[in-house]
PDB file of N, CA and C in Angstrom:
ATOM      1  N   MET A   1      32.776  57.850  -1.624  1.00  0.00           N
ATOM      2  CA  MET A   1      32.503  56.885  -0.597  1.00  0.00           C
ATOM      3  C   MET A   1      31.003  56.577  -0.527  1.00  0.00           C
ATOM      4  N   MET A   2      30.209  57.589  -0.529  1.00  0.00           N
ATOM      5  CA  MET A   2      28.762  57.412  -0.453  1.00  0.00           C
ATOM      6  C   MET A   2      28.247  56.681  -1.693  1.00  0.00           C
ATOM      7  N   ALA A   3      28.841  56.985  -2.835  1.00  0.00           N
ATOM      8  CA  ALA A   3      28.446  56.325  -4.078  1.00  0.00           C
ATOM      9  C   ALA A   3      28.796  54.843  -4.026  1.00  0.00           C
ATOM     10  N   ASP A   4      29.951  54.537  -3.450  1.00  0.00           N
ATOM     11  CA  ASP A   4      30.340  53.128  -3.309  1.00  0.00           C
ATOM     12  C   ASP A   4      29.359  52.383  -2.410  1.00  0.00           C
ATOM     13  N   MET A   5      28.942  53.017  -1.345  1.00  0.00           N
ATOM     14  CA  MET A   5      27.992  52.375  -0.417  1.00  0.00           C
ATOM     15  C   MET A   5      26.641  52.163  -1.094  1.00  0.00           C
ATOM     16  N   GLU A   6      26.248  53.122  -1.913  1.00  0.00           N
ATOM     17  CA  GLU A   6      24.976  52.980  -2.627  1.00  0.00           C
ATOM     18  C   GLU A   6      25.061  51.834  -3.635  1.00  0.00           C
ATOM     19  N   ILE A   7      26.197  51.699  -4.298  1.00  0.00           N
ATOM     20  CA  ILE A   7      26.387  50.603  -5.265  1.00  0.00           C
ATOM     21  C   ILE A   7      26.382  49.263  -4.530  1.00  0.00           C
ATOM     22  N   GLN A   8      27.060  49.212  -3.374  1.00  0.00           N
ATOM     23  CA  GLN A   8      27.088  47.980  -2.598  1.00  0.00           C
ATOM     24  C   GLN A   8      25.688  47.626  -2.100  1.00  0.00           C
ATOM     25  N   CYS A   9      24.940  48.630  -1.642  1.00  0.00           N
ATOM     26  CA  CYS A   9      23.567  48.378  -1.167  1.00  0.00           C
ATOM     27  C   CYS A   9      22.687  47.911  -2.312  1.00  0.00           C
ATOM     28  N   SER A  10      22.871  48.524  -3.476  1.00  0.00           N
ATOM     29  CA  SER A  10      22.088  48.142  -4.640  1.00  0.00           C
ATOM     30  C   SER A  10      22.406  46.704  -5.051  1.00  0.00           C
ATOM     31  N   THR A  11      23.693  46.355  -5.041  1.00  0.00           N
ATOM     32  CA  THR A  11      24.110  45.002  -5.380  1.00  0.00           C
ATOM     33  C   THR A  11      23.577  44.002  -4.361  1.00  0.00           C
ATOM     34  N   LEU A  12      23.690  44.379  -3.087  1.00  0.00           N
ATOM     35  CA  LEU A  12      23.187  43.512  -2.022  1.00  0.00           C
ATOM     36  C   LEU A  12      21.680  43.330  -2.131  1.00  0.00           C
ATOM     37  N   ASN A  13      20.994  44.412  -2.453  1.00  0.00           N
ATOM     38  CA  ASN A  13      19.546  44.360  -2.624  1.00  0.00           C
ATOM     39  C   ASN A  13      19.186  43.443  -3.784  1.00  0.00           C
ATOM     40  N   SER A  14      19.905  43.533  -4.884  1.00  0.00           N
ATOM     41  CA  SER A  14      19.667  42.672  -6.049  1.00  0.00           C
ATOM     42  C   SER A  14      19.927  41.209  -5.700  1.00  0.00           C
ATOM     43  N   ASP A  15      21.017  40.971  -4.965  1.00  0.00           N
ATOM     44  CA  ASP A  15      21.344  39.604  -4.551  1.00  0.00           C
ATOM     45  C   ASP A  15      20.251  39.030  -3.647  1.00  0.00           C
ATOM     46  N   CYS A  16      19.782  39.862  -2.720  1.00  0.00           N
ATOM     47  CA  CYS A  16      18.723  39.402  -1.802  1.00  0.00           C
ATOM     48  C   CYS A  16      17.453  39.081  -2.574  1.00  0.00           C
ATOM     49  N   LYS A  17      17.092  39.929  -3.539  1.00  0.00           N
ATOM     50  CA  LYS A  17      15.900  39.680  -4.351  1.00  0.00           C
ATOM     51  C   LYS A  17      16.047  38.379  -5.145  1.00  0.00           C
ATOM     52  N   ALA A  18      17.229  38.150  -5.692  1.00  0.00           N
ATOM     53  CA  ALA A  18      17.462  36.920  -6.457  1.00  0.00           C
ATOM     54  C   ALA A  18      17.356  35.693  -5.561  1.00  0.00           C
ATOM     55  N   ILE A  19      17.921  35.797  -4.368  1.00  0.00           N
ATOM     56  CA  ILE A  19      17.853  34.670  -3.418  1.00  0.00           C
ATOM     57  C   ILE A  19      16.416  34.411  -3.008  1.00  0.00           C
ATOM     58  N   LEU A  20      15.682  35.466  -2.712  1.00  0.00           N
ATOM     59  CA  LEU A  20      14.276  35.311  -2.316  1.00  0.00           C
ATOM     60  C   LEU A  20      13.433  34.739  -3.452  1.00  0.00           C
ATOM     61  N   THR A  21      13.735  35.152  -4.681  1.00  0.00           N
ATOM     62  CA  THR A  21      13.009  34.608  -5.836  1.00  0.00           C
ATOM     63  C   THR A  21      13.281  33.114  -5.983  1.00  0.00           C
ATOM     64  N   ARG A  22      14.553  32.707  -5.838  1.00  0.00           N
ATOM     65  CA  ARG A  22      14.883  31.273  -5.914  1.00  0.00           C
ATOM     66  C   ARG A  22      14.203  30.491  -4.791  1.00  0.00           C
ATOM     67  N   MET A  23      14.209  31.071  -3.588  1.00  0.00           N
ATOM     68  CA  MET A  23      13.558  30.394  -2.460  1.00  0.00           C
ATOM     69  C   MET A  23      12.054  30.264  -2.701  1.00  0.00           C
ATOM     70  N   ASP A  24      11.456  31.299  -3.276  1.00  0.00           N
ATOM     71  CA  ASP A  24      10.027  31.261  -3.574  1.00  0.00           C
ATOM     72  C   ASP A  24       9.722  30.182  -4.611  1.00  0.00           C
ATOM     73  N   ASN A  25      10.576  30.085  -5.634  1.00  0.00           N
ATOM     74  CA  ASN A  25      10.385  29.045  -6.657  1.00  0.00           C
ATOM     75  C   ASN A  25      10.526  27.653  -6.052  1.00  0.00           C
ATOM     76  N   ARG A  26      11.496  27.476  -5.184  1.00  0.00           N
ATOM     77  CA  ARG A  26      11.674  26.172  -4.531  1.00  0.00           C
ATOM     78  C   ARG A  26      10.486  25.844  -3.639  1.00  0.00           C
ATOM     79  N   LEU A  27       9.978  26.837  -2.942  1.00  0.00           N
ATOM     80  CA  LEU A  27       8.811  26.622  -2.090  1.00  0.00           C
ATOM     81  C   LEU A  27       7.603  26.215  -2.928  1.00  0.00           C
ATOM     82  N   ASP A  28       7.440  26.849  -4.084  1.00  0.00           N
ATOM     83  CA  ASP A  28       6.353  26.458  -4.986  1.00  0.00           C
ATOM     84  C   ASP A  28       6.495  25.001  -5.416  1.00  0.00           C
ATOM     85  N   ASP A  29       7.714  24.588  -5.740  1.00  0.00           N
ATOM     86  CA  ASP A  29       7.953  23.195  -6.130  1.00  0.00           C
ATOM     87  C   ASP A  29       7.619  22.233  -4.994  1.00  0.00           C
ATOM     88  N   VAL A  30       7.992  22.604  -3.779  1.00  0.00           N
ATOM     89  CA  VAL A  30       7.707  21.758  -2.619  1.00  0.00           C
ATOM     90  C   VAL A  30       6.201  21.655  -2.405  1.00  0.00           C
ATOM     91  N   GLN A  31       5.493  22.759  -2.542  1.00  0.00           N
ATOM     92  CA  GLN A  31       4.039  22.743  -2.355  1.00  0.00           C
ATOM     93  C   GLN A  31       3.352  21.903  -3.426  1.00  0.00           C
ATOM     94  N   LYS A  32       3.841  21.984  -4.672  1.00  0.00           N
ATOM     95  CA  LYS A  32       3.273  21.151  -5.741  1.00  0.00           C
ATOM     96  C   LYS A  32       3.521  19.671  -5.457  1.00  0.00           C
ATOM     97  N   SER A  33       4.725  19.348  -5.010  1.00  0.00           N
ATOM     98  CA  SER A  33       5.045  17.952  -4.683  1.00  0.00           C
ATOM     99  C   SER A  33       4.187  17.451  -3.545  1.00  0.00           C
ATOM    100  N   GLN A  34       3.966  18.290  -2.561  1.00  0.00           N
ATOM    101  CA  GLN A  34       3.141  17.906  -1.420  1.00  0.00           C
ATOM    102  C   GLN A  34       1.700  17.640  -1.860  1.00  0.00           C
ATOM    103  N   ALA A  35       1.178  18.464  -2.749  1.00  0.00           N
ATOM    104  CA  ALA A  35      -0.182  18.255  -3.255  1.00  0.00           C
ATOM    105  C   ALA A  35      -0.274  16.935  -4.025  1.00  0.00           C
ATOM    106  N   GLU A  36       0.739  16.628  -4.831  1.00  0.00           N
ATOM    107  CA  GLU A  36       0.762  15.362  -5.565  1.00  0.00           C
ATOM    108  C   GLU A  36       0.818  14.179  -4.605  1.00  0.00           C
ATOM    109  N   MET A  37       1.614  14.310  -3.540  1.00  0.00           N
ATOM    110  CA  MET A  37       1.718  13.219  -2.561  1.00  0.00           C
ATOM    111  C   MET A  37       0.398  12.996  -1.837  1.00  0.00           C
ATOM    112  N   ARG A  38      -0.317  14.066  -1.550  1.00  0.00           N
ATOM    113  CA  ARG A  38      -1.629  13.917  -0.903  1.00  0.00           C
ATOM    114  C   ARG A  38      -2.584  13.144  -1.787  1.00  0.00           C
ATOM    115  N   ILE A  39      -2.592  13.458  -3.069  1.00  0.00           N
ATOM    116  CA  ILE A  39      -3.476  12.754  -4.004  1.00  0.00           C
ATOM    117  C   ILE A  39      -3.110  11.280  -4.063  1.00  0.00           C
ATOM    118  N   ILE A  40      -1.813  10.993  -4.163  1.00  0.00           N
ATOM    119  CA  ILE A  40      -1.361   9.603  -4.219  1.00  0.00           C
ATOM    120  C   ILE A  40      -1.710   8.880  -2.922  1.00  0.00           C
ATOM    121  N   TYR A  41      -1.510   9.540  -1.779  1.00  0.00           N
ATOM    122  CA  TYR A  41      -1.806   8.933  -0.479  1.00  0.00           C
ATOM    123  C   TYR A  41      -3.286   8.597  -0.362  1.00  0.00           C
ATOM    124  N   GLU A  42      -4.152   9.517  -0.770  1.00  0.00           N
ATOM    125  CA  GLU A  42      -5.593   9.259  -0.701  1.00  0.00           C
ATOM    126  C   GLU A  42      -5.977   8.087  -1.589  1.00  0.00           C
ATOM    127  N   SER A  43      -5.384   8.035  -2.776  1.00  0.00           N
ATOM    128  CA  SER A  43      -5.670   6.946  -3.703  1.00  0.00           C
ATOM    129  C   SER A  43      -5.228   5.606  -3.113  1.00  0.00           C
ATOM    130  N   HIS A  44      -4.017   5.569  -2.563  1.00  0.00           N
ATOM    131  CA  HIS A  44      -3.520   4.325  -1.962  1.00  0.00           C
ATOM    132  C   HIS A  44      -4.342   3.933  -0.744  1.00  0.00           C
ATOM    133  N   SER A  45      -4.758   4.902   0.041  1.00  0.00           N
ATOM    134  CA  SER A  45      -5.557   4.615   1.220  1.00  0.00           C
ATOM    135  C   SER A  45      -6.878   3.955   0.832  1.00  0.00           C
ATOM    136  N   LYS A  46      -7.522   4.478  -0.206  1.00  0.00           N
ATOM    137  CA  LYS A  46      -8.791   3.900  -0.672  1.00  0.00           C
ATOM    138  C   LYS A  46      -8.573   2.484  -1.210  1.00  0.00           C
ATOM    139  N   ARG A  47      -7.475   2.290  -1.939  1.00  0.00           N
ATOM    140  CA  ARG A  47      -7.195   0.961  -2.486  1.00  0.00           C
ATOM    141  C   ARG A  47      -6.940  -0.045  -1.374  1.00  0.00           C
ATOM    142  N   ILE A  48      -6.202   0.363  -0.350  1.00  0.00           N
ATOM    143  CA  ILE A  48      -5.927  -0.543   0.777  1.00  0.00           C
ATOM    144  C   ILE A  48      -7.224  -0.880   1.511  1.00  0.00           C
ATOM    145  N   GLU A  49      -8.105   0.084   1.687  1.00  0.00           N
ATOM    146  CA  GLU A  49      -9.394  -0.190   2.336  1.00  0.00           C
ATOM    147  C   GLU A  49     -10.194  -1.204   1.536  1.00  0.00           C
ATOM    148  N   ARG A  50     -10.217  -1.064   0.193  1.00  0.00           N
ATOM    149  CA  ARG A  50     -10.955  -2.021  -0.638  1.00  0.00           C
ATOM    150  C   ARG A  50     -10.360  -3.421  -0.526  1.00  0.00           C
ATOM    151  N   ILE A  51      -9.024  -3.511  -0.509  1.00  0.00           N
ATOM    152  CA  ILE A  51      -8.363  -4.810  -0.405  1.00  0.00           C
ATOM    153  C   ILE A  51      -8.666  -5.451   0.951  1.00  0.00           C
ATOM    154  N   GLU A  52      -8.580  -4.667   2.034  1.00  0.00           N
ATOM    155  CA  GLU A  52      -8.887  -5.204   3.360  1.00  0.00           C
ATOM    156  C   GLU A  52     -10.331  -5.660   3.437  1.00  0.00           C
ATOM    157  N   HIS A  53     -11.230  -4.895   2.835  1.00  0.00           N
ATOM    158  CA  HIS A  53     -12.649  -5.272   2.840  1.00  0.00           C
ATOM    159  C   HIS A  53     -12.838  -6.594   2.102  1.00  0.00           C
ATOM    160  N   GLU A  54     -12.149  -6.761   0.987  1.00  0.00           N
ATOM    161  CA  GLU A  54     -12.266  -8.001   0.219  1.00  0.00           C
ATOM    162  C   GLU A  54     -11.649  -9.177   0.971  1.00  0.00           C
ATOM    163  N   LEU A  55     -10.523  -8.961   1.633  1.00  0.00           N
ATOM    164  CA  LEU A  55      -9.853 -10.047   2.350  1.00  0.00           C
ATOM    165  C   LEU A  55     -10.605 -10.471   3.604  1.00  0.00           C
ATOM    166  N   PHE A  56     -11.010  -9.503   4.412  1.00  0.00           N
ATOM    167  CA  PHE A  56     -11.557  -9.820   5.725  1.00  0.00           C
ATOM    168  C   PHE A  56     -13.072  -9.713   5.808  1.00  0.00           C
ATOM    169  N   GLY A  57     -13.719  -9.173   4.787  1.00  0.00           N
ATOM    170  CA  GLY A  57     -15.160  -9.228   4.705  1.00  0.00           C
ATOM    171  C   GLY A  57     -15.924  -8.087   5.325  1.00  0.00           C
ATOM    172  N   ASN A  58     -15.509  -7.602   6.488  1.00  0.00           N
ATOM    173  CA  ASN A  58     -16.229  -6.528   7.188  1.00  0.00           C
ATOM    174  C   ASN A  58     -17.730  -6.810   7.269  1.00  0.00           C
ATOM    175  N   GLY A  59     -18.092  -7.883   7.940  1.00  0.00           N
ATOM    176  CA  GLY A  59     -19.495  -8.225   8.122  1.00  0.00           C
ATOM    177  C   GLY A  59     -19.972  -9.369   7.254  1.00  0.00           C
ATOM    178  N   ARG A  60     -19.210  -9.783   6.327  1.00  0.00           N
ATOM    179  CA  ARG A  60     -19.527 -10.953   5.495  1.00  0.00           C
ATOM    180  C   ARG A  60     -18.272 -11.801   5.412  1.00  0.00           C
ATOM    181  N   SER A  61     -18.374 -12.991   4.801  1.00  0.00           N
ATOM    182  CA  SER A  61     -17.155 -13.804   4.717  1.00  0.00           C
ATOM    183  C   SER A  61     -16.252 -13.257   3.635  1.00  0.00           C
ATOM    184  N   GLY A  62     -15.069 -12.919   4.058  1.00  0.00           N
ATOM    185  CA  GLY A  62     -14.062 -12.430   3.115  1.00  0.00           C
ATOM    186  C   GLY A  62     -13.285 -13.588   2.524  1.00  0.00           C
ATOM    187  N   LEU A  63     -12.339 -13.257   1.697  1.00  0.00           N
ATOM    188  CA  LEU A  63     -11.535 -14.292   1.043  1.00  0.00           C
ATOM    189  C   LEU A  63     -10.770 -15.156   2.038  1.00  0.00           C
ATOM    190  N   ALA A  64     -10.279 -14.554   3.109  1.00  0.00           N
ATOM    191  CA  ALA A  64      -9.518 -15.317   4.101  1.00  0.00           C
ATOM    192  C   ALA A  64     -10.388 -16.418   4.712  1.00  0.00           C
ATOM    193  N   VAL A  65     -11.609 -16.086   5.069  1.00  0.00           N
ATOM    194  CA  VAL A  65     -12.517 -17.076   5.660  1.00  0.00           C
ATOM    195  C   VAL A  65     -12.894 -18.130   4.624  1.00  0.00           C
ATOM    196  N   GLN A  66     -13.144 -17.695   3.398  1.00  0.00           N
ATOM    197  CA  GLN A  66     -13.525 -18.643   2.351  1.00  0.00           C
ATOM    198  C   GLN A  66     -12.389 -19.615   2.046  1.00  0.00           C
ATOM    199  N   VAL A  67     -11.159 -19.130   1.994  1.00  0.00           N
ATOM    200  CA  VAL A  67     -10.017 -20.017   1.743  1.00  0.00           C
ATOM    201  C   VAL A  67      -9.845 -20.989   2.896  1.00  0.00           C
ATOM    202  N   ARG A  68     -10.001 -20.509   4.136  1.00  0.00           N
ATOM    203  CA  ARG A  68      -9.910 -21.403   5.295  1.00  0.00           C
ATOM    204  C   ARG A  68     -10.980 -22.499   5.229  1.00  0.00           C
ATOM    205  N   ALA A  69     -12.186 -22.128   4.831  1.00  0.00           N
ATOM    206  CA  ALA A  69     -13.279 -23.109   4.720  1.00  0.00           C
ATOM    207  C   ALA A  69     -12.973 -24.133   3.633  1.00  0.00           C
ATOM    208  N   ILE A  70     -12.458 -23.666   2.506  1.00  0.00           N
ATOM    209  CA  ILE A  70     -12.116 -24.597   1.418  1.00  0.00           C
ATOM    210  C   ILE A  70     -11.015 -25.555   1.872  1.00  0.00           C
ATOM    211  N   LEU A  71     -10.012 -25.059   2.563  1.00  0.00           N
ATOM    212  CA  LEU A  71      -8.946 -25.934   3.059  1.00  0.00           C
ATOM    213  C   LEU A  71      -9.485 -26.947   4.058  1.00  0.00           C
ATOM    214  N   TRP A  72     -10.367 -26.522   4.940  1.00  0.00           N
ATOM    215  CA  TRP A  72     -10.929 -27.439   5.928  1.00  0.00           C
ATOM    216  C   TRP A  72     -11.751 -28.517   5.232  1.00  0.00           C
ATOM    217  N   ILE A  73     -12.601 -28.124   4.297  1.00  0.00           N
ATOM    218  CA  ILE A  73     -13.442 -29.088   3.580  1.00  0.00           C
ATOM    219  C   ILE A  73     -12.579 -30.052   2.766  1.00  0.00           C
ATOM    220  N   SER A  74     -11.579 -29.512   2.074  1.00  0.00           N
ATOM    221  CA  SER A  74     -10.747 -30.396   1.250  1.00  0.00           C
ATOM    222  C   SER A  74      -9.916 -31.343   2.110  1.00  0.00           C
ATOM    223  N   SER A  75      -9.415 -30.883   3.254  1.00  0.00           N
ATOM    224  CA  SER A  75      -8.641 -31.797   4.107  1.00  0.00           C
ATOM    225  C   SER A  75      -9.545 -32.866   4.703  1.00  0.00           C
ATOM    226  N   THR A  76     -10.765 -32.509   5.036  1.00  0.00           N
ATOM    227  CA  THR A  76     -11.719 -33.500   5.541  1.00  0.00           C
ATOM    228  C   THR A  76     -12.050 -34.520   4.447  1.00  0.00           C
ATOM    229  N   ALA A  77     -12.265 -34.024   3.223  1.00  0.00           N
ATOM    230  CA  ALA A  77     -12.591 -34.926   2.118  1.00  0.00           C
ATOM    231  C   ALA A  77     -11.421 -35.860   1.811  1.00  0.00           C
ATOM    232  N   VAL A  78     -10.214 -35.348   1.831  1.00  0.00           N
ATOM    233  CA  VAL A  78      -9.037 -36.187   1.577  1.00  0.00           C
ATOM    234  C   VAL A  78      -8.897 -37.242   2.676  1.00  0.00           C
ATOM    235  N   GLY A  79      -9.099 -36.848   3.896  1.00  0.00           N
ATOM    236  CA  GLY A  79      -9.032 -37.809   5.002  1.00  0.00           C
ATOM    237  C   GLY A  79     -10.071 -38.918   4.849  1.00  0.00           C
ATOM    238  N   PHE A  80     -11.290 -38.532   4.481  1.00  0.00           N
ATOM    239  CA  PHE A  80     -12.353 -39.525   4.292  1.00  0.00           C
ATOM    240  C   PHE A  80     -12.022 -40.448   3.119  1.00  0.00           C
ATOM    241  N   LEU A  81     -11.494 -39.874   2.023  1.00  0.00           N
ATOM    242  CA  LEU A  81     -11.128 -40.706   0.872  1.00  0.00           C
ATOM    243  C   LEU A  81      -9.985 -41.661   1.216  1.00  0.00           C
ATOM    244  N   LEU A  82      -9.035 -41.208   2.018  1.00  0.00           N
ATOM    245  CA  LEU A  82      -7.956 -42.100   2.447  1.00  0.00           C
ATOM    246  C   LEU A  82      -8.494 -43.226   3.331  1.00  0.00           C
ATOM    247  N   PHE A  83      -9.451 -42.896   4.179  1.00  0.00           N
ATOM    248  CA  PHE A  83     -10.074 -43.924   5.007  1.00  0.00           C
ATOM    249  C   PHE A  83     -10.775 -44.964   4.137  1.00  0.00           C
ATOM    250  N   LEU A  84     -11.527 -44.502   3.118  1.00  0.00           N
ATOM    251  CA  LEU A  84     -12.213 -45.437   2.222  1.00  0.00           C
ATOM    252  C   LEU A  84     -11.208 -46.284   1.426  1.00  0.00           C
ATOM    253  N   ALA A  85     -10.115 -45.652   1.000  1.00  0.00           N
ATOM    254  CA  ALA A  85      -9.102 -46.395   0.257  1.00  0.00           C
ATOM    255  C   ALA A  85      -8.447 -47.448   1.144  1.00  0.00           C
ATOM    256  N   ALA A  86      -8.172 -47.103   2.387  1.00  0.00           N
ATOM    257  CA  ALA A  86      -7.572 -48.076   3.318  1.00  0.00           C
ATOM    258  C   ALA A  86      -8.545 -49.226   3.583  1.00  0.00           C
ATOM    259  N   LYS A  87      -9.814 -48.884   3.744  1.00  0.00           N
ATOM    260  CA  LYS A  87     -10.846 -49.921   3.978  1.00  0.00           C
ATOM    261  C   LYS A  87     -10.953 -50.849   2.763  1.00  0.00           C
ATOM    262  N   ALA A  88     -10.940 -50.258   1.544  1.00  0.00           N
ATOM    263  CA  ALA A  88     -11.024 -51.073   0.321  1.00  0.00           C
ATOM    264  C   ALA A  88      -9.792 -51.935   0.162  1.00  0.00           C
ATOM    265  N   LEU A  89      -8.623 -51.403   0.465  1.00  0.00           N
ATOM    266  CA  LEU A  89      -7.390 -52.166   0.362  1.00  0.00           C
ATOM    267  C   LEU A  89      -7.389 -53.321   1.371  1.00  0.00           C
ATOM    268  N   ALA A  90      -7.868 -53.045   2.571  1.00  0.00           N
ATOM    269  CA  ALA A  90      -7.951 -54.099   3.582  1.00  0.00           C
ATOM    270  C   ALA A  90      -8.906 -55.200   3.140  1.00  0.00           C
ATOM    271  N   SER A  91     -10.047 -54.810   2.573  1.00  0.00           N
ATOM    272  CA  SER A  91     -11.012 -55.804   2.086  1.00  0.00           C
ATOM    273  C   SER A  91     -10.425 -56.598   0.936  1.00  0.00           C
ATOM    274  N   TRP A  92      -9.699 -55.919   0.065  1.00  0.00           N
ATOM    275  CA  TRP A  92      -9.116 -56.574  -1.096  1.00  0.00           C
ATOM    276  C   TRP A  92      -8.041 -57.568  -0.680  1.00  0.00           C
ATOM    277  N   LEU A  93      -7.282 -57.211   0.368  1.00  0.00           N
ATOM    278  CA  LEU A  93      -6.243 -58.109   0.853  1.00  0.00           C
ATOM    279  C   LEU A  93      -6.804 -59.207   1.760  1.00  0.00           C
ATOM    280  N   GLY A  94      -8.089 -59.117   2.095  1.00  0.00           N
ATOM    281  CA  GLY A  94      -8.735 -60.171   2.883  1.00  0.00           C
ATOM    282  C   GLY A  94      -8.684 -59.951   4.366  1.00  0.00           C
ATOM    283  N   HIS A  95      -8.425 -58.715   4.821  1.00  0.00           N
ATOM    284  CA  HIS A  95      -8.378 -58.468   6.248  1.00  0.00           C
ATOM    285  C   HIS A  95      -9.601 -57.721   6.735  1.00  0.00           C
ATOM    286  N   GLY A  96     -10.592 -57.603   5.961  1.00  0.00           N
ATOM    287  CA  GLY A  96     -11.703 -56.772   6.375  1.00  0.00           C
ATOM    288  C   GLY A  96     -12.946 -57.507   6.388  1.00  0.00           C
TER     289      GLY A  96
END
């Protein structure tokens, strides 16, 4: 009886060690994955900051402001050219 209990304890002890070893290996994998994610997160964070700086300028005119200015200037120029074309057409037709 005592020998059976010792065998069962030994088997249980071996099983527990195997389970703990597997858990330790899984924990190592999780820690490695977490370290990789931190590196990727830092890299993406820096890239997003650079993109925001380029778009919004942070103290200078960024791309958003420059595109808005180009659209405003081009719409003003188109309006003025349409006015000149209408004036020329009116003169050509004899109404000006």
